[in-house]
Amino acid sequence: MGIADRLIKRLEQEIRPLERELKVELPRQLAEAAAHGDLSENAEYDAAKQRKEFVQAQLARLYDKRQSLSGISELMIPRDSIGFWSKVKVLDLDNDEEIEYRLVSPDESDPRNDRISVSSPIGRALLGKIDGDAVDIETPRGTKAYEILEFSTVHEASDLDD
């Protein structure tokens, strides 16, 4: 199973419960709330309507993401250099600290969990690099110097959740 297939499978796991909520649970909640009478001052009805709008927005985002992933092929991702979904270990040359990153799409970015967007300054600087390369990255706090210690590509990944 390729990277896109694995990511789409994960998305489907997020989509299914939201679709069920939108098609089954929310219509029931809206009907029950509407049965209480005056909708203009019905907090239960308003809450269900707001939840419905939120779920619809979440589903739209997930559907778009799923659609964009369907066009990704592992053949497009390099095997011999850092690319999308690579795991990268770098040495911060300023403080001799080793840091590990996973390069992900912008909407999966979570810097606190070392998931860095490929479109971030760090992500852009790392793309296409190999072990031993040095990179200088312009950040809001100034220039950071890193040496790439090692990386693994999506082709080598056995678990995409780490």
N, C-alpha and C. Protein backbone atom coordinates (compact mmCIF):
# COMPACT_ATOMS: atom_id res chain seq x y z
N MET A 1 0.86 -1.18 0.00
CA MET A 1 0.00 0.00 0.00
C MET A 1 0.90 1.24 0.00
N GLY A 2 0.66 2.16 -0.91
CA GLY A 2 1.46 3.36 -1.05
C GLY A 2 1.10 4.42 -0.02
N ILE A 3 1.92 5.48 0.00
CA ILE A 3 1.71 6.58 0.95
C ILE A 3 0.33 7.19 0.79
N ALA A 4 -0.06 7.48 -0.44
CA ALA A 4 -1.36 8.11 -0.66
C ALA A 4 -2.48 7.21 -0.17
N ASP A 5 -2.37 5.91 -0.45
CA ASP A 5 -3.40 4.97 -0.01
C ASP A 5 -3.49 4.93 1.51
N ARG A 6 -2.32 4.95 2.17
CA ARG A 6 -2.32 4.91 3.64
C ARG A 6 -2.93 6.19 4.23
N LEU A 7 -2.58 7.32 3.63
CA LEU A 7 -3.13 8.58 4.13
C LEU A 7 -4.62 8.69 3.85
N ILE A 8 -5.05 8.22 2.68
CA ILE A 8 -6.48 8.23 2.35
C ILE A 8 -7.24 7.32 3.31
N LYS A 9 -6.66 6.18 3.64
CA LYS A 9 -7.31 5.26 4.59
C LYS A 9 -7.50 5.95 5.94
N ARG A 10 -6.47 6.69 6.38
CA ARG A 10 -6.59 7.43 7.65
C ARG A 10 -7.67 8.49 7.56
N LEU A 11 -7.74 9.18 6.41
CA LEU A 11 -8.78 10.19 6.22
C LEU A 11 -10.16 9.56 6.27
N GLU A 12 -10.31 8.41 5.64
CA GLU A 12 -11.61 7.72 5.64
C GLU A 12 -12.05 7.41 7.06
N GLN A 13 -11.09 7.10 7.93
CA GLN A 13 -11.43 6.82 9.33
C GLN A 13 -11.94 8.08 10.03
N GLU A 14 -11.50 9.25 9.59
CA GLU A 14 -12.02 10.51 10.13
C GLU A 14 -13.36 10.86 9.50
N ILE A 15 -13.50 10.55 8.23
CA ILE A 15 -14.70 10.94 7.47
C ILE A 15 -15.93 10.15 7.91
N ARG A 16 -15.79 8.83 8.06
CA ARG A 16 -16.95 7.98 8.34
C ARG A 16 -17.79 8.42 9.54
N PRO A 17 -17.19 8.66 10.71
CA PRO A 17 -18.03 9.07 11.84
C PRO A 17 -18.70 10.44 11.63
N LEU A 18 -18.01 11.34 10.92
CA LEU A 18 -18.61 12.65 10.65
C LEU A 18 -19.78 12.53 9.69
N GLU A 19 -19.65 11.66 8.68
CA GLU A 19 -20.76 11.44 7.76
C GLU A 19 -21.96 10.84 8.49
N ARG A 20 -21.69 9.90 9.38
CA ARG A 20 -22.78 9.30 10.16
C ARG A 20 -23.46 10.37 11.03
N GLU A 21 -22.66 11.18 11.66
CA GLU A 21 -23.22 12.24 12.50
C GLU A 21 -24.08 13.18 11.66
N LEU A 22 -23.60 13.55 10.48
CA LEU A 22 -24.32 14.48 9.61
C LEU A 22 -25.61 13.88 9.07
N LYS A 23 -25.59 12.60 8.73
CA LYS A 23 -26.74 11.97 8.08
C LYS A 23 -27.74 11.35 9.05
N VAL A 24 -27.27 10.96 10.24
CA VAL A 24 -28.15 10.23 11.16
C VAL A 24 -28.41 11.02 12.45
N GLU A 25 -27.36 11.35 13.16
CA GLU A 25 -27.51 11.92 14.49
C GLU A 25 -28.02 13.37 14.47
N LEU A 26 -27.42 14.21 13.64
CA LEU A 26 -27.81 15.62 13.62
C LEU A 26 -29.24 15.83 13.12
N PRO A 27 -29.71 15.14 12.09
CA PRO A 27 -31.12 15.31 11.71
C PRO A 27 -32.08 14.93 12.85
N ARG A 28 -31.72 13.87 13.59
CA ARG A 28 -32.55 13.47 14.73
C ARG A 28 -32.54 14.55 15.81
N GLN A 29 -31.34 15.08 16.11
CA GLN A 29 -31.23 16.14 17.13
C GLN A 29 -32.00 17.39 16.70
N LEU A 30 -31.88 17.76 15.43
CA LEU A 30 -32.59 18.94 14.93
C LEU A 30 -34.10 18.73 15.01
N ALA A 31 -34.56 17.54 14.66
CA ALA A 31 -36.00 17.26 14.70
C ALA A 31 -36.52 17.29 16.14
N GLU A 32 -35.75 16.69 17.06
CA GLU A 32 -36.16 16.70 18.47
C GLU A 32 -36.20 18.12 19.02
N ALA A 33 -35.20 18.92 18.68
CA ALA A 33 -35.15 20.30 19.16
C ALA A 33 -36.28 21.12 18.54
N ALA A 34 -36.57 20.89 17.28
CA ALA A 34 -37.64 21.63 16.60
C ALA A 34 -39.00 21.29 17.19
N ALA A 35 -39.14 20.08 17.69
CA ALA A 35 -40.40 19.65 18.28
C ALA A 35 -40.72 20.40 19.58
N HIS A 36 -39.72 21.05 20.15
CA HIS A 36 -39.92 21.80 21.39
C HIS A 36 -40.58 23.15 21.16
N GLY A 37 -40.80 23.49 19.90
CA GLY A 37 -41.53 24.73 19.63
C GLY A 37 -40.68 25.84 19.07
N ASP A 38 -40.91 27.05 19.56
CA ASP A 38 -40.31 28.29 19.06
C ASP A 38 -38.80 28.14 18.81
N LEU A 39 -38.41 28.23 17.54
CA LEU A 39 -37.00 28.04 17.18
C LEU A 39 -36.16 29.29 17.44
N SER A 40 -36.80 30.44 17.57
CA SER A 40 -36.04 31.68 17.74
C SER A 40 -35.29 31.74 19.07
N GLU A 41 -35.77 31.03 20.08
CA GLU A 41 -35.11 31.03 21.38
C GLU A 41 -34.80 29.61 21.85
N ASN A 42 -34.51 28.75 20.89
CA ASN A 42 -34.28 27.34 21.20
C ASN A 42 -32.78 27.05 21.14
N ALA A 43 -32.13 27.08 22.29
CA ALA A 43 -30.68 26.89 22.37
C ALA A 43 -30.26 25.51 21.86
N GLU A 44 -31.08 24.51 22.14
CA GLU A 44 -30.78 23.14 21.69
C GLU A 44 -30.76 23.07 20.16
N TYR A 45 -31.71 23.74 19.53
CA TYR A 45 -31.79 23.77 18.07
C TYR A 45 -30.59 24.54 17.50
N ASP A 46 -30.28 25.69 18.10
CA ASP A 46 -29.14 26.49 17.64
C ASP A 46 -27.82 25.71 17.75
N ALA A 47 -27.65 24.99 18.86
CA ALA A 47 -26.43 24.20 19.05
C ALA A 47 -26.32 23.10 18.00
N ALA A 48 -27.43 22.43 17.72
CA ALA A 48 -27.42 21.37 16.70
C ALA A 48 -27.14 21.94 15.32
N LYS A 49 -27.69 23.13 15.03
CA LYS A 49 -27.43 23.78 13.74
C LYS A 49 -25.96 24.17 13.61
N GLN A 50 -25.40 24.72 14.69
CA GLN A 50 -23.98 25.09 14.67
C GLN A 50 -23.09 23.86 14.51
N ARG A 51 -23.45 22.79 15.18
CA ARG A 51 -22.67 21.55 15.05
C ARG A 51 -22.76 21.03 13.61
N LYS A 52 -23.94 21.11 13.01
CA LYS A 52 -24.12 20.66 11.62
C LYS A 52 -23.21 21.46 10.69
N GLU A 53 -23.16 22.78 10.87
CA GLU A 53 -22.31 23.63 10.04
C GLU A 53 -20.83 23.28 10.24
N PHE A 54 -20.45 23.02 11.47
CA PHE A 54 -19.06 22.64 11.77
C PHE A 54 -18.71 21.32 11.10
N VAL A 55 -19.58 20.33 11.23
CA VAL A 55 -19.33 19.01 10.63
C VAL A 55 -19.26 19.12 9.11
N GLN A 56 -20.14 19.92 8.51
CA GLN A 56 -20.10 20.12 7.06
C GLN A 56 -18.77 20.74 6.63
N ALA A 57 -18.28 21.70 7.38
CA ALA A 57 -17.00 22.34 7.06
C ALA A 57 -15.85 21.35 7.21
N GLN A 58 -15.88 20.56 8.28
CA GLN A 58 -14.84 19.54 8.48
C GLN A 58 -14.83 18.54 7.33
N LEU A 59 -16.02 18.08 6.95
CA LEU A 59 -16.11 17.12 5.85
C LEU A 59 -15.61 17.72 4.55
N ALA A 60 -15.94 18.96 4.28
CA ALA A 60 -15.47 19.62 3.05
C ALA A 60 -13.94 19.65 3.03
N ARG A 61 -13.33 19.97 4.17
CA ARG A 61 -11.87 20.01 4.26
C ARG A 61 -11.28 18.62 4.03
N LEU A 62 -11.88 17.61 4.65
CA LEU A 62 -11.37 16.24 4.52
C LEU A 62 -11.56 15.71 3.10
N TYR A 63 -12.70 16.03 2.47
CA TYR A 63 -12.94 15.60 1.09
C TYR A 63 -11.90 16.23 0.16
N ASP A 64 -11.62 17.52 0.36
CA ASP A 64 -10.61 18.20 -0.47
C ASP A 64 -9.24 17.55 -0.29
N LYS A 65 -8.91 17.25 0.94
CA LYS A 65 -7.62 16.64 1.24
C LYS A 65 -7.53 15.26 0.59
N ARG A 66 -8.61 14.49 0.70
CA ARG A 66 -8.65 13.16 0.09
C ARG A 66 -8.47 13.25 -1.42
N GLN A 67 -9.14 14.23 -2.03
CA GLN A 67 -9.03 14.42 -3.47
C GLN A 67 -7.60 14.76 -3.88
N SER A 68 -6.96 15.65 -3.12
CA SER A 68 -5.59 16.03 -3.47
C SER A 68 -4.62 14.86 -3.29
N LEU A 69 -4.87 14.00 -2.32
CA LEU A 69 -4.00 12.84 -2.10
C LEU A 69 -4.15 11.80 -3.19
N SER A 70 -5.30 11.75 -3.81
CA SER A 70 -5.51 10.73 -4.84
C SER A 70 -4.58 10.95 -6.03
N GLY A 71 -4.01 12.15 -6.16
CA GLY A 71 -3.09 12.42 -7.26
C GLY A 71 -1.63 12.19 -6.93
N ILE A 72 -1.34 11.78 -5.69
CA ILE A 72 0.05 11.57 -5.27
C ILE A 72 0.48 10.14 -5.59
N SER A 73 1.64 10.02 -6.16
CA SER A 73 2.23 8.71 -6.43
C SER A 73 3.60 8.68 -5.77
N GLU A 74 3.93 7.55 -5.18
CA GLU A 74 5.26 7.42 -4.57
C GLU A 74 6.35 7.57 -5.61
N LEU A 75 6.01 7.34 -6.87
CA LEU A 75 7.00 7.49 -7.93
C LEU A 75 7.45 8.94 -8.06
N MET A 76 6.61 9.87 -7.60
CA MET A 76 6.92 11.29 -7.69
C MET A 76 7.82 11.75 -6.53
N ILE A 77 7.96 10.92 -5.51
CA ILE A 77 8.72 11.28 -4.31
C ILE A 77 10.11 10.67 -4.41
N PRO A 78 11.16 11.47 -4.25
CA PRO A 78 12.52 10.94 -4.41
C PRO A 78 12.86 9.88 -3.37
N ARG A 79 13.69 8.93 -3.79
CA ARG A 79 14.17 7.88 -2.89
C ARG A 79 15.55 8.21 -2.33
N ASP A 80 16.28 9.09 -3.03
CA ASP A 80 17.67 9.32 -2.68
C ASP A 80 17.93 10.67 -2.03
N SER A 81 16.87 11.40 -1.74
CA SER A 81 17.02 12.69 -1.05
C SER A 81 15.75 12.96 -0.24
N ILE A 82 15.80 13.97 0.57
CA ILE A 82 14.69 14.32 1.45
C ILE A 82 13.52 14.83 0.61
N GLY A 83 12.33 14.29 0.89
CA GLY A 83 11.12 14.69 0.19
C GLY A 83 9.92 14.63 1.11
N PHE A 84 8.75 14.71 0.53
CA PHE A 84 7.50 14.65 1.28
C PHE A 84 7.47 13.39 2.13
N TRP A 85 7.11 13.55 3.38
CA TRP A 85 6.94 12.53 4.40
C TRP A 85 8.26 11.88 4.82
N SER A 86 9.39 12.49 4.47
CA SER A 86 10.68 11.99 4.96
C SER A 86 10.80 12.26 6.45
N LYS A 87 11.50 11.39 7.12
CA LYS A 87 11.87 11.59 8.51
C LYS A 87 13.33 12.01 8.49
N VAL A 88 13.64 13.13 9.13
CA VAL A 88 14.97 13.73 9.02
C VAL A 88 15.53 13.99 10.42
N LYS A 89 16.78 13.58 10.62
CA LYS A 89 17.48 13.90 11.87
C LYS A 89 18.56 14.92 11.52
N VAL A 90 18.50 16.06 12.21
CA VAL A 90 19.48 17.13 11.96
C VAL A 90 20.21 17.45 13.26
N LEU A 91 21.38 18.05 13.09
CA LEU A 91 22.15 18.55 14.22
C LEU A 91 22.10 20.06 14.16
N ASP A 92 21.57 20.68 15.23
CA ASP A 92 21.57 22.13 15.33
C ASP A 92 23.00 22.54 15.66
N LEU A 93 23.66 23.18 14.71
CA LEU A 93 25.08 23.51 14.87
C LEU A 93 25.33 24.62 15.88
N ASP A 94 24.29 25.34 16.26
CA ASP A 94 24.44 26.41 17.25
C ASP A 94 24.52 25.88 18.67
N ASN A 95 23.77 24.80 18.95
CA ASN A 95 23.75 24.30 20.33
C ASN A 95 24.02 22.80 20.43
N ASP A 96 24.46 22.19 19.32
CA ASP A 96 24.84 20.78 19.30
C ASP A 96 23.69 19.85 19.70
N GLU A 97 22.47 20.24 19.38
CA GLU A 97 21.28 19.45 19.72
C GLU A 97 20.78 18.70 18.49
N GLU A 98 20.47 17.40 18.67
CA GLU A 98 19.88 16.62 17.59
C GLU A 98 18.37 16.80 17.62
N ILE A 99 17.79 17.01 16.44
CA ILE A 99 16.35 17.22 16.31
C ILE A 99 15.85 16.33 15.19
N GLU A 100 14.67 15.74 15.39
CA GLU A 100 14.08 14.91 14.35
C GLU A 100 12.79 15.55 13.86
N TYR A 101 12.61 15.58 12.55
CA TYR A 101 11.41 16.13 11.94
C TYR A 101 10.80 15.12 10.99
N ARG A 102 9.50 15.23 10.81
CA ARG A 102 8.79 14.53 9.73
C ARG A 102 8.25 15.63 8.84
N LEU A 103 8.54 15.58 7.53
CA LEU A 103 8.05 16.59 6.59
C LEU A 103 6.66 16.18 6.11
N VAL A 104 5.69 17.02 6.38
CA VAL A 104 4.29 16.70 6.08
C VAL A 104 3.65 17.82 5.28
N SER A 105 2.41 17.61 4.88
CA SER A 105 1.67 18.65 4.17
C SER A 105 1.34 19.78 5.14
N PRO A 106 1.07 20.98 4.62
CA PRO A 106 0.80 22.12 5.50
C PRO A 106 -0.33 21.89 6.50
N ASP A 107 -1.39 21.19 6.10
CA ASP A 107 -2.50 21.00 7.04
C ASP A 107 -2.23 19.91 8.07
N GLU A 108 -1.16 19.15 7.91
CA GLU A 108 -0.79 18.14 8.91
C GLU A 108 0.31 18.65 9.83
N SER A 109 0.79 19.84 9.59
CA SER A 109 1.89 20.41 10.35
C SER A 109 1.53 20.49 11.84
N ASP A 110 2.45 20.05 12.66
CA ASP A 110 2.29 20.09 14.11
C ASP A 110 3.68 20.18 14.73
N PRO A 111 4.27 21.38 14.75
CA PRO A 111 5.65 21.53 15.22
C PRO A 111 5.91 20.97 16.61
N ARG A 112 4.92 21.01 17.50
CA ARG A 112 5.13 20.46 18.84
C ARG A 112 5.37 18.96 18.82
N ASN A 113 4.89 18.31 17.76
CA ASN A 113 5.12 16.87 17.59
C ASN A 113 6.10 16.59 16.47
N ASP A 114 6.94 17.58 16.18
CA ASP A 114 8.01 17.46 15.18
C ASP A 114 7.51 17.16 13.77
N ARG A 115 6.29 17.56 13.46
CA ARG A 115 5.76 17.45 12.10
C ARG A 115 5.85 18.83 11.47
N ILE A 116 6.75 18.97 10.51
CA ILE A 116 7.05 20.26 9.90
C ILE A 116 6.52 20.28 8.48
N SER A 117 5.84 21.34 8.12
CA SER A 117 5.30 21.48 6.77
C SER A 117 6.42 21.56 5.74
N VAL A 118 6.21 20.90 4.60
CA VAL A 118 7.19 20.98 3.52
C VAL A 118 7.28 22.39 2.97
N SER A 119 6.28 23.22 3.24
CA SER A 119 6.31 24.60 2.74
C SER A 119 6.81 25.60 3.78
N SER A 120 7.19 25.12 4.98
CA SER A 120 7.76 25.99 6.00
C SER A 120 9.21 26.30 5.63
N PRO A 121 9.82 27.32 6.25
CA PRO A 121 11.23 27.59 5.95
C PRO A 121 12.14 26.38 6.17
N ILE A 122 11.92 25.65 7.26
CA ILE A 122 12.73 24.46 7.52
C ILE A 122 12.46 23.39 6.46
N GLY A 123 11.18 23.14 6.20
CA GLY A 123 10.82 22.12 5.21
C GLY A 123 11.41 22.42 3.84
N ARG A 124 11.27 23.67 3.39
CA ARG A 124 11.80 24.05 2.07
C ARG A 124 13.32 23.88 2.01
N ALA A 125 13.99 24.22 3.11
CA ALA A 125 15.46 24.12 3.14
C ALA A 125 15.92 22.67 3.11
N LEU A 126 15.14 21.76 3.68
CA LEU A 126 15.55 20.36 3.75
C LEU A 126 15.24 19.58 2.48
N LEU A 127 14.23 20.00 1.73
CA LEU A 127 13.84 19.26 0.53
C LEU A 127 15.02 19.11 -0.44
N GLY A 128 15.22 17.89 -0.90
CA GLY A 128 16.26 17.62 -1.88
C GLY A 128 17.65 17.40 -1.30
N LYS A 129 17.80 17.58 -0.01
CA LYS A 129 19.11 17.42 0.63
C LYS A 129 19.37 15.95 0.98
N ILE A 130 20.64 15.66 1.32
CA ILE A 130 21.03 14.30 1.70
C ILE A 130 21.89 14.34 2.97
N ASP A 131 22.21 13.15 3.48
CA ASP A 131 23.05 13.05 4.68
C ASP A 131 24.34 13.85 4.49
N GLY A 132 24.73 14.58 5.53
CA GLY A 132 25.97 15.34 5.49
C GLY A 132 25.82 16.76 4.98
N ASP A 133 24.72 17.05 4.30
CA ASP A 133 24.51 18.42 3.81
C ASP A 133 24.31 19.37 4.99
N ALA A 134 24.78 20.59 4.82
CA ALA A 134 24.55 21.66 5.80
C ALA A 134 23.54 22.62 5.20
N VAL A 135 22.64 23.10 6.04
CA VAL A 135 21.64 24.07 5.57
C VAL A 135 21.56 25.23 6.55
N ASP A 136 21.43 26.42 5.99
CA ASP A 136 21.17 27.62 6.78
C ASP A 136 19.72 28.00 6.53
N ILE A 137 18.98 28.18 7.61
CA ILE A 137 17.54 28.44 7.50
C ILE A 137 17.22 29.77 8.14
N GLU A 138 16.60 30.63 7.38
CA GLU A 138 16.14 31.92 7.90
C GLU A 138 14.85 31.70 8.68
N THR A 139 14.87 32.00 9.96
CA THR A 139 13.68 31.88 10.80
C THR A 139 13.37 33.24 11.39
N PRO A 140 12.19 33.40 11.97
CA PRO A 140 11.87 34.68 12.61
C PRO A 140 12.87 35.07 13.70
N ARG A 141 13.55 34.08 14.27
CA ARG A 141 14.52 34.35 15.34
C ARG A 141 15.95 34.47 14.81
N GLY A 142 16.11 34.49 13.50
CA GLY A 142 17.44 34.60 12.91
C GLY A 142 17.82 33.36 12.12
N THR A 143 19.03 33.34 11.64
CA THR A 143 19.52 32.22 10.83
C THR A 143 19.92 31.06 11.73
N LYS A 144 19.44 29.87 11.37
CA LYS A 144 19.80 28.64 12.09
C LYS A 144 20.62 27.78 11.15
N ALA A 145 21.67 27.16 11.67
CA ALA A 145 22.52 26.27 10.88
C ALA A 145 22.32 24.83 11.34
N TYR A 146 22.05 23.96 10.39
CA TYR A 146 21.84 22.55 10.68
C TYR A 146 22.72 21.69 9.78
N GLU A 147 23.08 20.52 10.29
CA GLU A 147 23.70 19.49 9.46
C GLU A 147 22.74 18.31 9.43
N ILE A 148 22.52 17.77 8.26
CA ILE A 148 21.63 16.62 8.13
C ILE A 148 22.42 15.37 8.50
N LEU A 149 21.98 14.71 9.57
CA LEU A 149 22.66 13.51 10.05
C LEU A 149 22.18 12.27 9.31
N GLU A 150 20.86 12.16 9.17
CA GLU A 150 20.29 11.02 8.45
C GLU A 150 18.85 11.32 8.10
N PHE A 151 18.34 10.56 7.13
CA PHE A 151 16.94 10.69 6.76
C PHE A 151 16.45 9.35 6.23
N SER A 152 15.15 9.17 6.30
CA SER A 152 14.51 8.03 5.66
C SER A 152 13.34 8.57 4.87
N THR A 153 13.10 7.96 3.73
CA THR A 153 12.02 8.43 2.87
C THR A 153 10.74 7.66 3.16
N VAL A 154 9.67 8.12 2.57
CA VAL A 154 8.37 7.48 2.73
C VAL A 154 8.43 6.03 2.23
N HIS A 155 9.31 5.76 1.30
CA HIS A 155 9.43 4.41 0.74
C HIS A 155 9.92 3.42 1.79
N GLU A 156 10.62 3.92 2.80
CA GLU A 156 11.17 3.07 3.85
C GLU A 156 10.29 3.05 5.09
N ALA A 157 9.27 3.90 5.13
CA ALA A 157 8.44 4.05 6.33
C ALA A 157 7.53 2.85 6.51
N SER A 158 7.53 2.32 7.72
CA SER A 158 6.61 1.23 8.04
C SER A 158 5.42 1.74 8.83
N ASP A 159 5.62 2.84 9.53
CA ASP A 159 4.54 3.41 10.34
C ASP A 159 4.50 4.91 10.09
N LEU A 160 3.46 5.37 9.43
CA LEU A 160 3.36 6.78 9.08
C LEU A 160 2.80 7.63 10.20
N ASP A 161 2.50 7.04 11.33
CA ASP A 161 1.94 7.82 12.43
C ASP A 161 3.00 8.37 13.36
N ASP A 162 4.25 7.99 13.16
CA ASP A 162 5.28 8.54 14.06
C ASP A 162 6.02 9.67 13.42
